[in-house]
C-alpha atoms as a PDB file:
ATOM      1  CA  MET A   1     129.287 183.474  71.340  1.00  0.00           C
ATOM      2  CA  SER A   2     131.848 181.651  72.931  1.00  0.00           C
ATOM      3  CA  GLY A   3     134.342 179.545  70.645  1.00  0.00           C
ATOM      4  CA  LEU A   4     132.189 176.985  70.215  1.00  0.00           C
ATOM      5  CA  PRO A   5     128.797 177.273  67.549  1.00  0.00           C
ATOM      6  CA  LEU A   6     125.616 176.180  68.884  1.00  0.00           C
ATOM      7  CA  GLY A   7     125.378 173.490  66.022  1.00  0.00           C
ATOM      8  CA  MET A   8     128.529 171.771  67.538  1.00  0.00           C
ATOM      9  CA  ILE A   9     127.053 171.780  71.178  1.00  0.00           C
ATOM     10  CA  ILE A  10     123.815 170.428  70.188  1.00  0.00           C
ATOM     11  CA  GLU A  11     125.441 167.826  67.988  1.00  0.00           C
ATOM     12  CA  THR A  12     127.902 166.841  70.986  1.00  0.00           C
ATOM     13  CA  VAL A  13     124.803 166.620  73.283  1.00  0.00           C
ATOM     14  CA  VAL A  14     123.119 164.292  70.998  1.00  0.00           C
ATOM     15  CA  ALA A  15     126.087 161.953  70.297  1.00  0.00           C
ATOM     16  CA  ILE A  16     126.163 161.921  74.058  1.00  0.00           C
ATOM     17  CA  LEU A  17     122.374 160.863  74.345  1.00  0.00           C
ATOM     18  CA  LEU A  18     123.035 158.385  71.322  1.00  0.00           C
ATOM     19  CA  ALA A  19     126.121 156.609  73.355  1.00  0.00           C
ATOM     20  CA  LEU A  20     123.913 156.670  76.423  1.00  0.00           C
ATOM     21  CA  THR A  21     121.209 154.937  74.568  1.00  0.00           C
ATOM     22  CA  ILE A  22     123.307 152.760  73.039  1.00  0.00           C
ATOM     23  CA  GLY A  23     124.622 151.788  76.584  1.00  0.00           C
ATOM     24  CA  TYR A  24     121.049 151.541  77.855  1.00  0.00           C
ATOM     25  CA  CYS A  25     120.428 149.185  75.219  1.00  0.00           C
ATOM     26  CA  VAL A  26     123.313 146.820  75.962  1.00  0.00           C
ATOM     27  CA  VAL A  27     122.074 146.735  79.394  1.00  0.00           C
ATOM     28  CA  LEU A  28     118.557 146.477  78.202  1.00  0.00           C
ATOM     29  CA  ASN A  29     119.608 143.718  75.650  1.00  0.00           C
ATOM     30  CA  LYS A  30     121.637 141.437  78.930  1.00  0.00           C
ATOM     31  CA  ARG A  31     118.435 141.623  81.196  1.00  0.00           C
ATOM     32  CA  LEU A  32     116.063 140.450  78.086  1.00  0.00           C
ATOM     33  CA  LYS A  33     118.873 137.722  77.516  1.00  0.00           C
ATOM     34  CA  MET A  34     118.552 136.889  81.210  1.00  0.00           C
ATOM     35  CA  LEU A  35     114.949 137.217  81.075  1.00  0.00           C
ATOM     36  CA  HIS A  36     114.459 134.677  78.317  1.00  0.00           C
ATOM     37  CA  SER A  37     117.044 132.246  79.745  1.00  0.00           C
ATOM     38  CA  ASP A  38     115.113 132.372  83.061  1.00  0.00           C
ATOM     39  CA  ARG A  39     111.922 131.867  80.888  1.00  0.00           C
ATOM     40  CA  GLU A  40     113.510 128.672  79.215  1.00  0.00           C
ATOM     41  CA  THR A  41     114.364 127.522  83.092  1.00  0.00           C
ATOM     42  CA  LEU A  42     111.059 128.279  84.290  1.00  0.00           C
ATOM     43  CA  ARG A  43     109.448 126.504  81.417  1.00  0.00           C
ATOM     44  CA  GLU A  44     111.667 123.542  82.314  1.00  0.00           C
ATOM     45  CA  MET A  45     110.637 123.730  86.032  1.00  0.00           C
ATOM     46  CA  ILE A  46     106.963 124.001  84.716  1.00  0.00           C
ATOM     47  CA  ASN A  47     107.479 120.865  82.772  1.00  0.00           C
ATOM     48  CA  ASP A  48     108.765 118.793  85.675  1.00  0.00           C
ATOM     49  CA  LEU A  49     106.048 120.107  88.162  1.00  0.00           C
ATOM     50  CA  VAL A  50     103.652 118.867  85.322  1.00  0.00           C
ATOM     51  CA  GLN A  51     105.301 115.312  85.502  1.00  0.00           C
ATOM     52  CA  ALA A  52     105.783 115.231  89.363  1.00  0.00           C
ATOM     53  CA  THR A  53     101.696 115.977  89.512  1.00  0.00           C
ATOM     54  CA  THR A  54     101.170 113.295  87.121  1.00  0.00           C
ATOM     55  CA  LEU A  55     102.995 110.652  89.109  1.00  0.00           C
ATOM     56  CA  ALA A  56     101.744 111.862  92.198  1.00  0.00           C
ATOM     57  CA  ASN A  57      98.119 111.772  90.944  1.00  0.00           C
ATOM     58  CA  GLY A  58      99.167 108.139  89.894  1.00  0.00           C
ATOM     59  CA  ALA A  59     100.281 107.407  93.318  1.00  0.00           C
ATOM     60  CA  ILE A  60      97.159 108.537  95.073  1.00  0.00           C
ATOM     61  CA  LYS A  61      95.324 106.486  92.761  1.00  0.00           C
ATOM     62  CA  GLN A  62      97.205 103.625  93.501  1.00  0.00           C
ATOM     63  CA  LEU A  63      97.001 104.199  97.405  1.00  0.00           C
ATOM     64  CA  ARG A  64      93.410 104.920  96.978  1.00  0.00           C
ATOM     65  CA  GLU A  65      92.843 101.263  95.618  1.00  0.00           C
ATOM     66  CA  VAL A  66      95.489  99.552  97.959  1.00  0.00           C
ATOM     67  CA  ALA A  67      93.227 101.473 101.022  1.00  0.00           C
ATOM     68  CA  VAL A  68      89.895 100.248  99.589  1.00  0.00           C
ATOM     69  CA  GLU A  69      91.576  96.658  99.123  1.00  0.00           C
ATOM     70  CA  THR A  70      92.673  96.853 102.779  1.00  0.00           C
ATOM     71  CA  ASP A  71      89.462  98.007 104.031  1.00  0.00           C
ATOM     72  CA  MET A  72      87.793  95.032 102.381  1.00  0.00           C
ATOM     73  CA  THR A  73      90.083  92.530 103.758  1.00  0.00           C
ATOM     74  CA  LEU A  74      90.078  94.148 107.190  1.00  0.00           C
ATOM     75  CA  ASN A  75      86.131  93.995 107.115  1.00  0.00           C
ATOM     76  CA  ALA A  76      86.127  90.271 106.080  1.00  0.00           C
ATOM     77  CA  ARG A  77      88.795  89.463 109.215  1.00  0.00           C
ATOM     78  CA  LEU A  78      86.646  91.520 111.303  1.00  0.00           C
ATOM     79  CA  GLU A  79      83.596  89.405 110.531  1.00  0.00           C
ATOM     80  CA  GLU A  80      85.473  86.416 110.688  1.00  0.00           C
ATOM     81  CA  ALA A  81      86.710  87.399 114.305  1.00  0.00           C
ATOM     82  CA  GLU A  82      83.207  88.301 115.182  1.00  0.00           C
ATOM     83  CA  ARG A  83      81.787  84.877 114.141  1.00  0.00           C
ATOM     84  CA  PHE A  84      84.628  83.014 116.011  1.00  0.00           C
ATOM     85  CA  GLY A  85      84.006  85.013 119.200  1.00  0.00           C
ATOM     86  CA  LEU A  86      80.360  84.146 118.905  1.00  0.00           C
ATOM     87  CA  GLU A  87      81.489  80.621 118.596  1.00  0.00           C
ATOM     88  CA  LEU A  88      83.673  80.535 121.452  1.00  0.00           C
ATOM     89  CA  ALA A  89      81.043  82.245 123.838  1.00  0.00           C
ATOM     90  CA  ASN A  90      78.591  79.442 122.931  1.00  0.00           C
ATOM     91  CA  HIS A  91      81.514  76.833 123.588  1.00  0.00           C
ATOM     92  CA  VAL A  92      82.348  78.384 126.787  1.00  0.00           C
ATOM     93  CA  THR A  93      78.685  78.502 127.717  1.00  0.00           C
ATOM     94  CA  ALA A  94      78.291  75.036 127.075  1.00  0.00           C
ATOM     95  CA  GLY A  95      81.425  74.328 128.621  1.00  0.00           C
ATOM     96  CA  GLN A  96      80.103  76.230 131.733  1.00  0.00           C
ATOM     97  CA  SER A  97      77.068  74.155 131.518  1.00  0.00           C
ATOM     98  CA  VAL A  98      78.902  70.776 131.460  1.00  0.00           C
ATOM     99  CA  LEU A  99      80.950  71.919 134.467  1.00  0.00           C
ATOM    100  CA  GLU A 100      77.793  72.716 136.412  1.00  0.00           C
ATOM    101  CA  ARG A 101      76.417  69.080 135.873  1.00  0.00           C
ATOM    102  CA  ILE A 102      79.436  67.351 136.569  1.00  0.00           C
ATOM    103  CA  ALA A 103      79.818  69.598 139.901  1.00  0.00           C
ATOM    104  CA  LYS A 104      76.181  68.498 140.577  1.00  0.00           C
ATOM    105  CA  ILE A 105      76.745  64.817 139.996  1.00  0.00           C
ATOM    106  CA  THR A 106      80.330  64.924 142.040  1.00  0.00           C
ATOM    107  CA  SER A 107      78.321  66.771 145.298  1.00  0.00           C
ATOM    108  CA  ALA A 108      75.567  64.295 144.770  1.00  0.00           C
ATOM    109  CA  ALA A 109      78.074  61.136 144.751  1.00  0.00           C
ATOM    110  CA  ARG A 110      79.807  62.581 147.923  1.00  0.00           C
ATOM    111  CA  ASN A 111      76.673  62.790 149.662  1.00  0.00           C
ATOM    112  CA  SER A 112      75.292  59.818 148.860  1.00  0.00           C
ATOM    113  CA  VAL A 113      75.868  56.175 150.227  1.00  0.00           C
ATOM    114  CA  THR A 114      78.854  54.308 148.845  1.00  0.00           C
ATOM    115  CA  ILE A 115      77.882  52.068 145.729  1.00  0.00           C
ATOM    116  CA  ALA A 116      79.417  48.879 145.562  1.00  0.00           C
ATOM    117  CA  PRO A 117      81.259  48.430 142.596  1.00  0.00           C
ATOM    118  CA  VAL A 118      79.446  46.223 139.624  1.00  0.00           C
ATOM    119  CA  ALA A 119      81.316  43.719 138.064  1.00  0.00           C
ATOM    120  CA  PRO A 120      81.529  44.355 134.504  1.00  0.00           C
ATOM    121  CA  PRO A 121      78.838  42.400 132.267  1.00  0.00           C
ATOM    122  CA  VAL A 122      80.433  38.922 131.106  1.00  0.00           C
ATOM    123  CA  SER A 123      80.023  38.210 127.446  1.00  0.00           C
ATOM    124  CA  ARG A 124      78.183  35.236 126.223  1.00  0.00           C
ATOM    125  CA  ALA A 125      81.245  33.481 125.054  1.00  0.00           C
ATOM    126  CA  GLU A 126      82.908  33.833 128.314  1.00  0.00           C
ATOM    127  CA  GLN A 127      79.936  32.498 130.027  1.00  0.00           C
ATOM    128  CA  ALA A 128      80.042  29.583 127.441  1.00  0.00           C
ATOM    129  CA  VAL A 129      83.730  28.702 128.536  1.00  0.00           C
ATOM    130  CA  GLU A 130      83.178  28.998 132.529  1.00  0.00           C
ATOM    131  CA  ALA A 131      80.239  26.535 132.063  1.00  0.00           C
ATOM    132  CA  LEU A 132      82.261  24.276 129.695  1.00  0.00           C
ATOM    133  CA  LYS A 133      85.110  24.239 132.306  1.00  0.00           C
ATOM    134  CA  THR A 134      82.628  23.470 135.262  1.00  0.00           C
ATOM    135  CA  HIS A 135      80.924  20.533 133.376  1.00  0.00           C
ATOM    136  CA  SER A 136      84.330  18.997 132.598  1.00  0.00           C
ATOM    137  CA  LYS A 137      85.084  19.561 135.804  1.00  0.00           C
ATOM    138  CA  SER A 138      82.156  17.660 137.103  1.00  0.00           C
ATOM    139  CA  LYS A 139      82.806  14.972 134.456  1.00  0.00           C
ATOM    140  CA  GLY A 140      86.110  14.386 135.508  1.00  0.00           C
ATOM    141  CA  ARG A 141      85.054  13.893 139.047  1.00  0.00           C
ATOM    142  CA  ALA A 142      82.313  11.326 138.155  1.00  0.00           C
ATOM    143  CA  ALA A 143      84.546   9.388 136.217  1.00  0.00           C
END
């Protein structure tokens, strides 16, 4: 054999393997620490995501309530508009009927002979005053 005994070579190889194992354990320990820190970060992200989901569900519920309320209001306004539309259509029809009657009356008046204006009716009080004036004039002449 050469100058080194076999036991020494084996112990040197074992020492080198032990040093490599310790180095690998140090590297593995660093990676595990990073994994644990990432795990905490991931846990925080999951908690934030759960909170965001809860808020989103609440917002969606409120949006649904507002949508239902808006739909009811819109339907009520549409029904009211339909009622007003029908009422307006009835008024337009009645207006057209009145306009047609007026047109018939004016065309008949144009085609007929001119009628003498009628004196407005005299009230009884005016008739009595007129009779009194006539009577006093006649008495004044006789005297």
